[in-house]
């Protein structure tokens, strides 16, 4: 291996179980060879995962640029690991090989153990990041196809330590109003005081404001001013219906004539009824589980326009034939035009 030959031949370099010493002038060449080893392992053992990741990266990068231009955004943010994956899948997938390869060079492990650990790292990173990235591509594709031209953001204050560790049942938190923004973000607070949309956009095609929220959780505080025009469920009633099952969805979509009507998605007691739920499936072997989860969410939250399961690959026949009322399975792949049933149902909706 060129990398070990380089270390051996470079007498000032020393890599052992208790020491790592690489002279500054040798580091560029050392890390160039180090990265070649990681990249070669990925390409030789997981070429299909890399190919799929790069295909998603290509379409995602294009739609992100289109949405930034459409909404006149300064930037679009998301968790850093996902951002790196969608921008350069190869570099992100090999990040987890850094320590295992150093352990191999230091003699702390053998080639077989390195290969096993490196394989687990790549497979786990791909599974997590591709699923998240595919969902982001779907949502931004909808923003583009709905011809949205304004973006709104809701700023929450940072909770105190006391609020983070203990719910305060007597405290009432004002709901912040949406403000027009040049920043679209998929990043969320881990323990929000209130649950608000990831973002709100205005669509002339729908003639209304559309809010998108990823994930399902309750907040730590109670909202002070609940919009009585909206329809709410209590978390107690949801838990009674879902039992021990974990209720989750990829994206919930909400529509209103005014952005302030979409400012609150949930507090510690209640959650807003969605207009539409989107579940994204990127792996063939996940259809049955995701269909069951979609049915559970659909039956409990009763989205007004139904639930759409957006699939990367064709669903098995036994799944396509039994989604249930108002649950629709769309085989989309990476083709935006196949999202048209969702666009049509949103564009024709009268709130």
C-alpha atoms as a PDB file:
ATOM      1  CA  UNK A   1       0.000   0.000   0.000  1.00  0.00           C
ATOM      2  CA  UNK A   2       1.429   3.366  -1.055  1.00  0.00           C
ATOM      3  CA  UNK A   3       0.413   4.910   2.254  1.00  0.00           C
ATOM      4  CA  UNK A   4       2.417   2.460   4.394  1.00  0.00           C
ATOM      5  CA  UNK A   5       5.345   2.669   1.981  1.00  0.00           C
ATOM      6  CA  UNK A   6       5.301   6.454   2.339  1.00  0.00           C
ATOM      7  CA  UNK A   7       5.367   6.250   6.142  1.00  0.00           C
ATOM      8  CA  UNK A   8       8.166   3.655   6.045  1.00  0.00           C
ATOM      9  CA  UNK A   9      10.289   5.624   3.594  1.00  0.00           C
ATOM     10  CA  UNK A  10       9.756   8.942   5.345  1.00  0.00           C
ATOM     11  CA  UNK A  11      12.082   8.402   8.271  1.00  0.00           C
ATOM     12  CA  UNK A  12      10.872  11.413  10.224  1.00  0.00           C
ATOM     13  CA  UNK A  13       7.328  10.001  10.262  1.00  0.00           C
ATOM     14  CA  UNK A  14       6.331   7.663  13.034  1.00  0.00           C
ATOM     15  CA  UNK A  15       2.958   5.977  13.507  1.00  0.00           C
ATOM     16  CA  UNK A  16       2.614   3.426  16.284  1.00  0.00           C
ATOM     17  CA  UNK A  17       0.223   2.312  18.989  1.00  0.00           C
ATOM     18  CA  UNK A  18       1.274   5.139  21.285  1.00  0.00           C
ATOM     19  CA  UNK A  19       2.514   7.787  18.881  1.00  0.00           C
ATOM     20  CA  UNK A  20       1.553   9.632  15.702  1.00  0.00           C
ATOM     21  CA  UNK A  21       4.238  11.951  14.370  1.00  0.00           C
ATOM     22  CA  UNK A  22       4.094  13.245  10.796  1.00  0.00           C
ATOM     23  CA  UNK A  23       6.376  16.167   9.914  1.00  0.00           C
ATOM     24  CA  UNK A  24       4.584  19.249   8.644  1.00  0.00           C
ATOM     25  CA  UNK A  25       6.246  19.102   5.235  1.00  0.00           C
ATOM     26  CA  UNK A  26       5.114  15.474   4.789  1.00  0.00           C
ATOM     27  CA  UNK A  27       1.493  15.957   5.842  1.00  0.00           C
ATOM     28  CA  UNK A  28       0.007  17.038   2.470  1.00  0.00           C
ATOM     29  CA  UNK A  29       1.311  13.917   0.727  1.00  0.00           C
ATOM     30  CA  UNK A  30       0.427  11.679   3.692  1.00  0.00           C
ATOM     31  CA  UNK A  31      -3.198  12.853   3.764  1.00  0.00           C
ATOM     32  CA  UNK A  32      -3.456  12.714  -0.029  1.00  0.00           C
ATOM     33  CA  UNK A  33      -2.553   9.014   0.112  1.00  0.00           C
ATOM     34  CA  UNK A  34      -4.709   8.551   3.239  1.00  0.00           C
ATOM     35  CA  UNK A  35      -7.740   9.894   1.345  1.00  0.00           C
ATOM     36  CA  UNK A  36      -6.973   7.707  -1.676  1.00  0.00           C
ATOM     37  CA  UNK A  37      -7.160   4.620   0.547  1.00  0.00           C
ATOM     38  CA  UNK A  38     -10.521   5.670   1.997  1.00  0.00           C
ATOM     39  CA  UNK A  39     -11.957   6.608  -1.394  1.00  0.00           C
ATOM     40  CA  UNK A  40     -10.712   3.401  -3.030  1.00  0.00           C
ATOM     41  CA  UNK A  41     -12.339   1.295  -0.305  1.00  0.00           C
ATOM     42  CA  UNK A  42     -15.641   3.095  -0.891  1.00  0.00           C
ATOM     43  CA  UNK A  43     -15.490   2.811  -4.685  1.00  0.00           C
ATOM     44  CA  UNK A  44     -14.464  -0.844  -4.726  1.00  0.00           C
ATOM     45  CA  UNK A  45     -16.923  -2.076  -2.102  1.00  0.00           C
ATOM     46  CA  UNK A  46     -19.900   0.295  -2.308  1.00  0.00           C
ATOM     47  CA  UNK A  47     -19.981   1.596  -5.857  1.00  0.00           C
ATOM     48  CA  UNK A  48     -23.778   1.243  -6.000  1.00  0.00           C
ATOM     49  CA  UNK A  49     -24.303   3.332  -2.844  1.00  0.00           C
ATOM     50  CA  UNK A  50     -21.918   5.977  -4.147  1.00  0.00           C
ATOM     51  CA  UNK A  51     -23.659   6.044  -7.535  1.00  0.00           C
ATOM     52  CA  UNK A  52     -27.092   6.443  -5.927  1.00  0.00           C
ATOM     53  CA  UNK A  53     -25.776   9.148  -3.585  1.00  0.00           C
ATOM     54  CA  UNK A  54     -24.263  11.121  -6.450  1.00  0.00           C
ATOM     55  CA  UNK A  55     -27.497  10.903  -8.445  1.00  0.00           C
ATOM     56  CA  UNK A  56     -29.430  12.324  -5.480  1.00  0.00           C
ATOM     57  CA  UNK A  57     -26.765  14.992  -4.970  1.00  0.00           C
ATOM     58  CA  UNK A  58     -27.101  16.113  -8.593  1.00  0.00           C
ATOM     59  CA  UNK A  59     -30.890  16.597  -8.486  1.00  0.00           C
ATOM     60  CA  UNK A  60     -30.836  18.054  -4.985  1.00  0.00           C
ATOM     61  CA  UNK A  61     -28.163  20.632  -5.845  1.00  0.00           C
ATOM     62  CA  UNK A  62     -30.178  21.717  -8.872  1.00  0.00           C
ATOM     63  CA  UNK A  63     -33.469  22.161  -7.005  1.00  0.00           C
ATOM     64  CA  UNK A  64     -31.737  23.930  -4.111  1.00  0.00           C
ATOM     65  CA  UNK A  65     -30.303  26.483  -6.539  1.00  0.00           C
ATOM     66  CA  UNK A  66     -33.723  26.915  -8.156  1.00  0.00           C
ATOM     67  CA  UNK A  67     -35.489  27.428  -4.819  1.00  0.00           C
ATOM     68  CA  UNK A  68     -32.862  29.923  -3.617  1.00  0.00           C
ATOM     69  CA  UNK A  69     -33.426  31.935  -6.783  1.00  0.00           C
ATOM     70  CA  UNK A  70     -37.227  31.575  -6.658  1.00  0.00           C
ATOM     71  CA  UNK A  71     -37.504  32.748  -3.044  1.00  0.00           C
ATOM     72  CA  UNK A  72     -34.588  35.215  -3.340  1.00  0.00           C
ATOM     73  CA  UNK A  73     -32.851  33.546  -0.406  1.00  0.00           C
ATOM     74  CA  UNK A  74     -29.447  34.419   0.960  1.00  0.00           C
ATOM     75  CA  UNK A  75     -28.958  30.845   2.133  1.00  0.00           C
ATOM     76  CA  UNK A  76     -30.579  27.505   2.894  1.00  0.00           C
ATOM     77  CA  UNK A  77     -29.399  25.531   5.913  1.00  0.00           C
ATOM     78  CA  UNK A  78     -29.702  22.039   7.354  1.00  0.00           C
ATOM     79  CA  UNK A  79     -27.672  19.805   9.703  1.00  0.00           C
ATOM     80  CA  UNK A  80     -24.007  19.930   8.690  1.00  0.00           C
ATOM     81  CA  UNK A  81     -23.570  16.195   8.000  1.00  0.00           C
ATOM     82  CA  UNK A  82     -26.553  16.151   5.659  1.00  0.00           C
ATOM     83  CA  UNK A  83     -25.356  19.334   3.960  1.00  0.00           C
ATOM     84  CA  UNK A  84     -21.952  17.754   3.317  1.00  0.00           C
ATOM     85  CA  UNK A  85     -23.542  14.541   2.035  1.00  0.00           C
ATOM     86  CA  UNK A  86     -25.791  16.338  -0.457  1.00  0.00           C
ATOM     87  CA  UNK A  87     -22.939  18.558  -1.611  1.00  0.00           C
ATOM     88  CA  UNK A  88     -20.242  15.880  -1.880  1.00  0.00           C
ATOM     89  CA  UNK A  89     -21.453  12.339  -1.020  1.00  0.00           C
ATOM     90  CA  UNK A  90     -18.050  10.720  -1.450  1.00  0.00           C
ATOM     91  CA  UNK A  91     -16.330  12.970   1.064  1.00  0.00           C
ATOM     92  CA  UNK A  92     -19.063  12.503   3.638  1.00  0.00           C
ATOM     93  CA  UNK A  93     -19.297   8.716   3.283  1.00  0.00           C
ATOM     94  CA  UNK A  94     -15.560   8.264   3.898  1.00  0.00           C
ATOM     95  CA  UNK A  95     -15.445  10.508   6.985  1.00  0.00           C
ATOM     96  CA  UNK A  96     -16.214   7.571   9.264  1.00  0.00           C
ATOM     97  CA  UNK A  97     -13.138   5.721   7.960  1.00  0.00           C
ATOM     98  CA  UNK A  98     -10.717   8.240   9.452  1.00  0.00           C
ATOM     99  CA  UNK A  99     -10.196   6.612  12.858  1.00  0.00           C
ATOM    100  CA  UNK A 100     -10.420   2.976  11.635  1.00  0.00           C
ATOM    101  CA  UNK A 101      -7.705   3.616   9.045  1.00  0.00           C
ATOM    102  CA  UNK A 102      -5.437   5.264  11.599  1.00  0.00           C
ATOM    103  CA  UNK A 103      -6.029   2.293  13.907  1.00  0.00           C
ATOM    104  CA  UNK A 104      -4.949  -0.006  11.075  1.00  0.00           C
ATOM    105  CA  UNK A 105      -1.796   2.026  10.421  1.00  0.00           C
ATOM    106  CA  UNK A 106      -0.973   2.035  14.128  1.00  0.00           C
ATOM    107  CA  UNK A 107      -1.315  -1.740  14.346  1.00  0.00           C
ATOM    108  CA  UNK A 108      -4.239  -1.541  16.767  1.00  0.00           C
ATOM    109  CA  UNK A 109      -6.428  -3.574  14.399  1.00  0.00           C
ATOM    110  CA  UNK A 110      -6.059  -5.811  11.341  1.00  0.00           C
ATOM    111  CA  UNK A 111      -7.253  -5.520   7.748  1.00  0.00           C
ATOM    112  CA  UNK A 112     -10.339  -7.687   8.326  1.00  0.00           C
ATOM    113  CA  UNK A 113     -11.462  -5.658  11.346  1.00  0.00           C
ATOM    114  CA  UNK A 114     -10.823  -2.414   9.450  1.00  0.00           C
ATOM    115  CA  UNK A 115     -12.921  -3.612   6.512  1.00  0.00           C
ATOM    116  CA  UNK A 116     -15.792  -4.641   8.793  1.00  0.00           C
ATOM    117  CA  UNK A 117     -15.827  -1.361  10.709  1.00  0.00           C
ATOM    118  CA  UNK A 118     -15.415   0.732   7.563  1.00  0.00           C
ATOM    119  CA  UNK A 119     -18.286  -1.125   5.872  1.00  0.00           C
ATOM    120  CA  UNK A 120     -20.595  -0.554   8.845  1.00  0.00           C
ATOM    121  CA  UNK A 121     -19.719   3.122   8.872  1.00  0.00           C
ATOM    122  CA  UNK A 122     -20.460   3.598   5.170  1.00  0.00           C
ATOM    123  CA  UNK A 123     -23.696   1.611   5.246  1.00  0.00           C
ATOM    124  CA  UNK A 124     -25.006   3.414   8.334  1.00  0.00           C
ATOM    125  CA  UNK A 125     -24.092   6.846   6.988  1.00  0.00           C
ATOM    126  CA  UNK A 126     -25.725   6.115   3.641  1.00  0.00           C
ATOM    127  CA  UNK A 127     -28.926   4.747   5.205  1.00  0.00           C
ATOM    128  CA  UNK A 128     -29.407   7.768   7.451  1.00  0.00           C
ATOM    129  CA  UNK A 129     -28.278  10.528   5.123  1.00  0.00           C
ATOM    130  CA  UNK A 130     -29.873   9.268   1.921  1.00  0.00           C
ATOM    131  CA  UNK A 131     -33.270   8.971   3.617  1.00  0.00           C
ATOM    132  CA  UNK A 132     -33.027  12.518   4.993  1.00  0.00           C
ATOM    133  CA  UNK A 133     -31.654  13.898   1.738  1.00  0.00           C
ATOM    134  CA  UNK A 134     -34.373  12.305  -0.374  1.00  0.00           C
ATOM    135  CA  UNK A 135     -37.019  13.926   1.823  1.00  0.00           C
ATOM    136  CA  UNK A 136     -35.382  17.345   1.461  1.00  0.00           C
ATOM    137  CA  UNK A 137     -35.312  16.916  -2.317  1.00  0.00           C
ATOM    138  CA  UNK A 138     -39.036  16.066  -2.308  1.00  0.00           C
ATOM    139  CA  UNK A 139     -39.979  19.104  -0.218  1.00  0.00           C
ATOM    140  CA  UNK A 140     -37.860  21.581  -2.180  1.00  0.00           C
ATOM    141  CA  UNK A 141     -39.230  20.117  -5.416  1.00  0.00           C
ATOM    142  CA  UNK A 142     -42.742  20.870  -4.156  1.00  0.00           C
ATOM    143  CA  UNK A 143     -41.715  24.441  -3.302  1.00  0.00           C
ATOM    144  CA  UNK A 144     -40.411  24.838  -6.845  1.00  0.00           C
ATOM    145  CA  UNK A 145     -43.390  23.209  -8.559  1.00  0.00           C
ATOM    146  CA  UNK A 146     -45.811  25.321  -6.500  1.00  0.00           C
ATOM    147  CA  UNK A 147     -43.976  28.408  -7.821  1.00  0.00           C
ATOM    148  CA  UNK A 148     -43.556  29.823  -4.322  1.00  0.00           C
ATOM    149  CA  UNK A 149     -42.198  33.372  -4.213  1.00  0.00           C
ATOM    150  CA  UNK A 150     -42.016  34.338  -0.524  1.00  0.00           C
ATOM    151  CA  UNK A 151     -40.468  32.688   2.506  1.00  0.00           C
ATOM    152  CA  UNK A 152     -41.323  33.258   6.165  1.00  0.00           C
ATOM    153  CA  UNK A 153     -39.506  32.289   9.343  1.00  0.00           C
ATOM    154  CA  UNK A 154     -40.548  32.117  12.995  1.00  0.00           C
ATOM    155  CA  UNK A 155     -37.883  32.906  15.576  1.00  0.00           C
ATOM    156  CA  UNK A 156     -38.173  31.202  18.953  1.00  0.00           C
ATOM    157  CA  UNK A 157     -36.342  32.441  22.004  1.00  0.00           C
ATOM    158  CA  UNK A 158     -33.771  30.178  23.619  1.00  0.00           C
ATOM    159  CA  UNK A 159     -35.228  28.319  26.633  1.00  0.00           C
ATOM    160  CA  UNK A 160     -33.667  28.639  30.055  1.00  0.00           C
ATOM    161  CA  UNK A 161     -31.990  25.656  31.702  1.00  0.00           C
ATOM    162  CA  UNK A 162     -35.010  25.254  33.983  1.00  0.00           C
ATOM    163  CA  UNK A 163     -37.355  25.160  30.994  1.00  0.00           C
ATOM    164  CA  UNK A 164     -35.184  22.527  29.301  1.00  0.00           C
ATOM    165  CA  UNK A 165     -35.165  20.115  32.231  1.00  0.00           C
ATOM    166  CA  UNK A 166     -38.638  20.699  33.632  1.00  0.00           C
ATOM    167  CA  UNK A 167     -41.949  21.566  32.016  1.00  0.00           C
ATOM    168  CA  UNK A 168     -43.568  24.635  33.529  1.00  0.00           C
ATOM    169  CA  UNK A 169     -47.317  24.010  33.441  1.00  0.00           C
ATOM    170  CA  UNK A 170     -48.264  27.498  34.627  1.00  0.00           C
ATOM    171  CA  UNK A 171     -46.154  29.393  32.099  1.00  0.00           C
ATOM    172  CA  UNK A 172     -47.840  30.651  28.927  1.00  0.00           C
ATOM    173  CA  UNK A 173     -45.559  31.368  25.986  1.00  0.00           C
ATOM    174  CA  UNK A 174     -46.570  33.961  23.351  1.00  0.00           C
ATOM    175  CA  UNK A 175     -46.598  32.577  19.802  1.00  0.00           C
ATOM    176  CA  UNK A 176     -44.116  34.581  17.664  1.00  0.00           C
ATOM    177  CA  UNK A 177     -45.448  35.986  14.414  1.00  0.00           C
ATOM    178  CA  UNK A 178     -43.915  34.858  11.102  1.00  0.00           C
ATOM    179  CA  UNK A 179     -41.645  37.357   9.402  1.00  0.00           C
ATOM    180  CA  UNK A 180     -40.548  37.414   5.788  1.00  0.00           C
ATOM    181  CA  UNK A 181     -37.075  35.952   5.511  1.00  0.00           C
ATOM    182  CA  UNK A 182     -34.207  35.393   3.084  1.00  0.00           C
ATOM    183  CA  UNK A 183     -33.200  32.275   4.989  1.00  0.00           C
ATOM    184  CA  UNK A 184     -34.808  28.824   4.738  1.00  0.00           C
ATOM    185  CA  UNK A 185     -33.810  26.297   7.368  1.00  0.00           C
ATOM    186  CA  UNK A 186     -34.433  22.604   8.027  1.00  0.00           C
ATOM    187  CA  UNK A 187     -32.630  22.832  11.368  1.00  0.00           C
ATOM    188  CA  UNK A 188     -34.718  22.374  14.508  1.00  0.00           C
ATOM    189  CA  UNK A 189     -34.367  22.885  18.236  1.00  0.00           C
ATOM    190  CA  UNK A 190     -33.865  19.630  20.140  1.00  0.00           C
ATOM    191  CA  UNK A 191     -36.232  20.716  22.919  1.00  0.00           C
ATOM    192  CA  UNK A 192     -38.375  23.530  21.497  1.00  0.00           C
ATOM    193  CA  UNK A 193     -40.434  25.715  23.791  1.00  0.00           C
ATOM    194  CA  UNK A 194     -43.085  25.660  21.031  1.00  0.00           C
ATOM    195  CA  UNK A 195     -43.184  23.657  17.801  1.00  0.00           C
ATOM    196  CA  UNK A 196     -43.317  25.935  14.763  1.00  0.00           C
ATOM    197  CA  UNK A 197     -42.984  25.252  11.008  1.00  0.00           C
ATOM    198  CA  UNK A 198     -39.591  24.589   9.480  1.00  0.00           C
ATOM    199  CA  UNK A 199     -40.628  27.337   7.085  1.00  0.00           C
ATOM    200  CA  UNK A 200     -43.686  28.999   5.539  1.00  0.00           C
ATOM    201  CA  UNK A 201     -43.899  29.898   1.851  1.00  0.00           C
ATOM    202  CA  UNK A 202     -46.474  31.692  -0.273  1.00  0.00           C
ATOM    203  CA  UNK A 203     -47.659  29.980  -3.456  1.00  0.00           C
ATOM    204  CA  UNK A 204     -49.499  32.062  -6.078  1.00  0.00           C
ATOM    205  CA  UNK A 205     -50.425  28.760  -7.700  1.00  0.00           C
ATOM    206  CA  UNK A 206     -52.374  27.775  -4.571  1.00  0.00           C
ATOM    207  CA  UNK A 207     -53.280  31.328  -3.616  1.00  0.00           C
ATOM    208  CA  UNK A 208     -52.357  30.591  -0.008  1.00  0.00           C
ATOM    209  CA  UNK A 209     -49.543  30.192   2.487  1.00  0.00           C
ATOM    210  CA  UNK A 210     -48.044  26.743   2.999  1.00  0.00           C
ATOM    211  CA  UNK A 211     -46.176  25.605   6.102  1.00  0.00           C
ATOM    212  CA  UNK A 212     -43.931  22.545   6.239  1.00  0.00           C
ATOM    213  CA  UNK A 213     -42.925  20.730   9.410  1.00  0.00           C
ATOM    214  CA  UNK A 214     -40.673  17.681   9.564  1.00  0.00           C
ATOM    215  CA  UNK A 215     -41.015  15.334  12.498  1.00  0.00           C
ATOM    216  CA  UNK A 216     -43.502  14.925  15.315  1.00  0.00           C
ATOM    217  CA  UNK A 217     -42.861  16.112  18.850  1.00  0.00           C
ATOM    218  CA  UNK A 218     -44.371  18.108  21.679  1.00  0.00           C
ATOM    219  CA  UNK A 219     -43.005  21.337  23.084  1.00  0.00           C
ATOM    220  CA  UNK A 220     -41.925  22.151  26.621  1.00  0.00           C
ATOM    221  CA  UNK A 221     -44.344  25.050  27.179  1.00  0.00           C
ATOM    222  CA  UNK A 222     -47.998  25.974  26.649  1.00  0.00           C
ATOM    223  CA  UNK A 223     -48.857  28.526  23.962  1.00  0.00           C
ATOM    224  CA  UNK A 224     -50.534  31.661  25.249  1.00  0.00           C
ATOM    225  CA  UNK A 225     -52.669  32.435  22.207  1.00  0.00           C
ATOM    226  CA  UNK A 226     -54.187  29.438  20.398  1.00  0.00           C
ATOM    227  CA  UNK A 227     -55.723  30.161  17.012  1.00  0.00           C
ATOM    228  CA  UNK A 228     -59.340  29.077  17.463  1.00  0.00           C
ATOM    229  CA  UNK A 229     -59.896  28.943  13.689  1.00  0.00           C
ATOM    230  CA  UNK A 230     -57.554  25.967  13.485  1.00  0.00           C
ATOM    231  CA  UNK A 231     -58.363  22.377  14.387  1.00  0.00           C
ATOM    232  CA  UNK A 232     -56.309  20.878  17.228  1.00  0.00           C
ATOM    233  CA  UNK A 233     -55.729  17.443  18.731  1.00  0.00           C
ATOM    234  CA  UNK A 234     -54.558  16.856  22.275  1.00  0.00           C
ATOM    235  CA  UNK A 235     -51.475  14.714  22.796  1.00  0.00           C
ATOM    236  CA  UNK A 236     -53.431  12.747  25.378  1.00  0.00           C
ATOM    237  CA  UNK A 237     -55.985  11.731  22.741  1.00  0.00           C
ATOM    238  CA  UNK A 238     -53.199  10.850  20.297  1.00  0.00           C
ATOM    239  CA  UNK A 239     -51.484   8.637  22.859  1.00  0.00           C
ATOM    240  CA  UNK A 240     -54.772   6.880  23.579  1.00  0.00           C
ATOM    241  CA  UNK A 241     -55.147   5.997  19.890  1.00  0.00           C
ATOM    242  CA  UNK A 242     -51.533   5.142  19.085  1.00  0.00           C
ATOM    243  CA  UNK A 243     -50.880   3.108  22.221  1.00  0.00           C
ATOM    244  CA  UNK A 244     -47.224   2.125  22.618  1.00  0.00           C
ATOM    245  CA  UNK A 245     -46.486   2.807  18.932  1.00  0.00           C
ATOM    246  CA  UNK A 246     -44.298   5.789  18.089  1.00  0.00           C
ATOM    247  CA  UNK A 247     -46.246   8.241  15.962  1.00  0.00           C
ATOM    248  CA  UNK A 248     -43.976   9.841  13.380  1.00  0.00           C
ATOM    249  CA  UNK A 249     -44.039  11.201   9.858  1.00  0.00           C
ATOM    250  CA  UNK A 250     -41.536  12.729   7.457  1.00  0.00           C
ATOM    251  CA  UNK A 251     -43.406  15.936   6.617  1.00  0.00           C
ATOM    252  CA  UNK A 252     -46.714  17.534   7.516  1.00  0.00           C
ATOM    253  CA  UNK A 253     -48.094  20.280   5.267  1.00  0.00           C
ATOM    254  CA  UNK A 254     -50.474  23.031   6.386  1.00  0.00           C
ATOM    255  CA  UNK A 255     -52.362  25.614   4.298  1.00  0.00           C
ATOM    256  CA  UNK A 256     -53.895  28.945   5.353  1.00  0.00           C
ATOM    257  CA  UNK A 257     -54.878  32.313   3.958  1.00  0.00           C
ATOM    258  CA  UNK A 258     -52.615  34.183   6.381  1.00  0.00           C
ATOM    259  CA  UNK A 259     -49.114  33.252   7.591  1.00  0.00           C
ATOM    260  CA  UNK A 260     -49.960  33.968  11.234  1.00  0.00           C
ATOM    261  CA  UNK A 261     -52.532  31.154  11.093  1.00  0.00           C
ATOM    262  CA  UNK A 262     -49.601  28.764  10.578  1.00  0.00           C
ATOM    263  CA  UNK A 263     -47.340  30.121  13.319  1.00  0.00           C
ATOM    264  CA  UNK A 264     -47.969  27.304  15.805  1.00  0.00           C
ATOM    265  CA  UNK A 265     -47.817  23.569  15.056  1.00  0.00           C
ATOM    266  CA  UNK A 266     -47.815  22.233  18.627  1.00  0.00           C
ATOM    267  CA  UNK A 267     -47.263  23.127  22.251  1.00  0.00           C
ATOM    268  CA  UNK A 268     -46.959  20.778  25.220  1.00  0.00           C
ATOM    269  CA  UNK A 269     -50.647  19.819  25.090  1.00  0.00           C
ATOM    270  CA  UNK A 270     -51.945  20.083  21.526  1.00  0.00           C
ATOM    271  CA  UNK A 271     -50.944  19.598  17.897  1.00  0.00           C
ATOM    272  CA  UNK A 272     -52.409  21.127  14.740  1.00  0.00           C
ATOM    273  CA  UNK A 273     -54.324  18.851  12.372  1.00  0.00           C
ATOM    274  CA  UNK A 274     -52.337  18.606   9.109  1.00  0.00           C
ATOM    275  CA  UNK A 275     -53.792  19.306   5.712  1.00  0.00           C
ATOM    276  CA  UNK A 276     -51.515  16.701   4.144  1.00  0.00           C
ATOM    277  CA  UNK A 277     -48.856  14.199   5.278  1.00  0.00           C
ATOM    278  CA  UNK A 278     -45.900  13.114   3.146  1.00  0.00           C
ATOM    279  CA  UNK A 279     -43.922   9.955   3.878  1.00  0.00           C
ATOM    280  CA  UNK A 280     -40.754   9.354   1.836  1.00  0.00           C
ATOM    281  CA  UNK A 281     -39.444   5.848   1.175  1.00  0.00           C
ATOM    282  CA  UNK A 282     -36.064   5.429  -0.452  1.00  0.00           C
ATOM    283  CA  UNK A 283     -35.478   1.682   0.031  1.00  0.00           C
ATOM    284  CA  UNK A 284     -37.505  -1.173  -1.413  1.00  0.00           C
ATOM    285  CA  UNK A 285     -37.461  -3.231   1.785  1.00  0.00           C
ATOM    286  CA  UNK A 286     -39.060  -0.444   3.847  1.00  0.00           C
ATOM    287  CA  UNK A 287     -42.428  -0.274   2.061  1.00  0.00           C
ATOM    288  CA  UNK A 288     -44.421  -2.554   4.356  1.00  0.00           C
ATOM    289  CA  UNK A 289     -43.216  -0.893   7.561  1.00  0.00           C
ATOM    290  CA  UNK A 290     -43.686   2.601   6.183  1.00  0.00           C
ATOM    291  CA  UNK A 291     -47.177   1.768   4.947  1.00  0.00           C
ATOM    292  CA  UNK A 292     -48.177   0.613   8.421  1.00  0.00           C
ATOM    293  CA  UNK A 293     -46.719   3.776   9.937  1.00  0.00           C
ATOM    294  CA  UNK A 294     -48.512   5.910   7.333  1.00  0.00           C
ATOM    295  CA  UNK A 295     -51.813   4.210   8.146  1.00  0.00           C
ATOM    296  CA  UNK A 296     -51.329   4.858  11.855  1.00  0.00           C
ATOM    297  CA  UNK A 297     -50.506   8.551  11.358  1.00  0.00           C
ATOM    298  CA  UNK A 298     -53.303   8.939   8.837  1.00  0.00           C
ATOM    299  CA  UNK A 299     -55.949   7.328  11.046  1.00  0.00           C
ATOM    300  CA  UNK A 300     -54.969   9.397  14.094  1.00  0.00           C
ATOM    301  CA  UNK A 301     -54.155  12.804  12.563  1.00  0.00           C
ATOM    302  CA  UNK A 302     -56.716  12.579   9.722  1.00  0.00           C
ATOM    303  CA  UNK A 303     -54.999  14.958   7.261  1.00  0.00           C
ATOM    304  CA  UNK A 304     -57.675  16.753   5.268  1.00  0.00           C
ATOM    305  CA  UNK A 305     -56.094  16.061   1.872  1.00  0.00           C
ATOM    306  CA  UNK A 306     -54.813  12.607   2.663  1.00  0.00           C
ATOM    307  CA  UNK A 307     -51.398  11.003   2.997  1.00  0.00           C
ATOM    308  CA  UNK A 308     -48.919  10.608   0.148  1.00  0.00           C
ATOM    309  CA  UNK A 309     -46.201   7.968   0.272  1.00  0.00           C
ATOM    310  CA  UNK A 310     -43.460   9.147  -2.076  1.00  0.00           C
ATOM    311  CA  UNK A 311     -41.367   6.153  -3.123  1.00  0.00           C
ATOM    312  CA  UNK A 312     -37.919   6.107  -4.670  1.00  0.00           C
ATOM    313  CA  UNK A 313     -38.574   2.673  -6.216  1.00  0.00           C
ATOM    314  CA  UNK A 314     -41.776   0.906  -7.327  1.00  0.00           C
ATOM    315  CA  UNK A 315     -43.666  -0.484  -4.367  1.00  0.00           C
ATOM    316  CA  UNK A 316     -44.406  -4.215  -4.307  1.00  0.00           C
ATOM    317  CA  UNK A 317     -47.814  -5.122  -5.739  1.00  0.00           C
ATOM    318  CA  UNK A 318     -49.168  -6.221  -2.349  1.00  0.00           C
ATOM    319  CA  UNK A 319     -48.363  -2.759  -0.983  1.00  0.00           C
ATOM    320  CA  UNK A 320     -49.709  -0.830  -3.970  1.00  0.00           C
ATOM    321  CA  UNK A 321     -52.977  -2.663  -3.703  1.00  0.00           C
ATOM    322  CA  UNK A 322     -53.753  -1.926  -0.066  1.00  0.00           C
ATOM    323  CA  UNK A 323     -52.798   1.611   0.949  1.00  0.00           C
ATOM    324  CA  UNK A 324     -56.306   2.419   2.231  1.00  0.00           C
ATOM    325  CA  UNK A 325     -58.634   5.374   1.793  1.00  0.00           C
ATOM    326  CA  UNK A 326     -56.899   8.681   1.096  1.00  0.00           C
ATOM    327  CA  UNK A 327     -53.443   7.077   1.331  1.00  0.00           C
ATOM    328  CA  UNK A 328     -51.686   7.307  -2.029  1.00  0.00           C
ATOM    329  CA  UNK A 329     -48.451   5.607  -3.114  1.00  0.00           C
ATOM    330  CA  UNK A 330     -46.460   7.541  -5.731  1.00  0.00           C
ATOM    331  CA  UNK A 331     -43.433   6.016  -7.461  1.00  0.00           C
ATOM    332  CA  UNK A 332     -41.390   9.171  -8.007  1.00  0.00           C
ATOM    333  CA  UNK A 333     -37.746   8.142  -8.121  1.00  0.00           C
ATOM    334  CA  UNK A 334     -35.842  11.358  -8.836  1.00  0.00           C
ATOM    335  CA  UNK A 335     -38.386  12.664 -11.328  1.00  0.00           C
ATOM    336  CA  UNK A 336     -40.062  15.865 -10.122  1.00  0.00           C
ATOM    337  CA  UNK A 337     -42.918  15.618 -12.613  1.00  0.00           C
ATOM    338  CA  UNK A 338     -44.207  12.527 -10.809  1.00  0.00           C
ATOM    339  CA  UNK A 339     -44.999  14.692  -7.786  1.00  0.00           C
ATOM    340  CA  UNK A 340     -47.838  16.254  -9.808  1.00  0.00           C
ATOM    341  CA  UNK A 341     -50.661  14.504  -7.849  1.00  0.00           C
ATOM    342  CA  UNK A 342     -49.525  16.355  -4.712  1.00  0.00           C
ATOM    343  CA  UNK A 343     -49.238  19.630  -6.611  1.00  0.00           C
ATOM    344  CA  UNK A 344     -52.719  19.186  -8.047  1.00  0.00           C
ATOM    345  CA  UNK A 345     -54.389  18.399  -4.725  1.00  0.00           C
ATOM    346  CA  UNK A 346     -52.736  21.414  -3.086  1.00  0.00           C
ATOM    347  CA  UNK A 347     -53.499  23.768  -5.982  1.00  0.00           C
ATOM    348  CA  UNK A 348     -57.192  22.790  -5.980  1.00  0.00           C
ATOM    349  CA  UNK A 349     -57.635  22.989  -2.214  1.00  0.00           C
ATOM    350  CA  UNK A 350     -60.046  25.549  -0.802  1.00  0.00           C
ATOM    351  CA  UNK A 351     -59.319  26.095   2.869  1.00  0.00           C
END
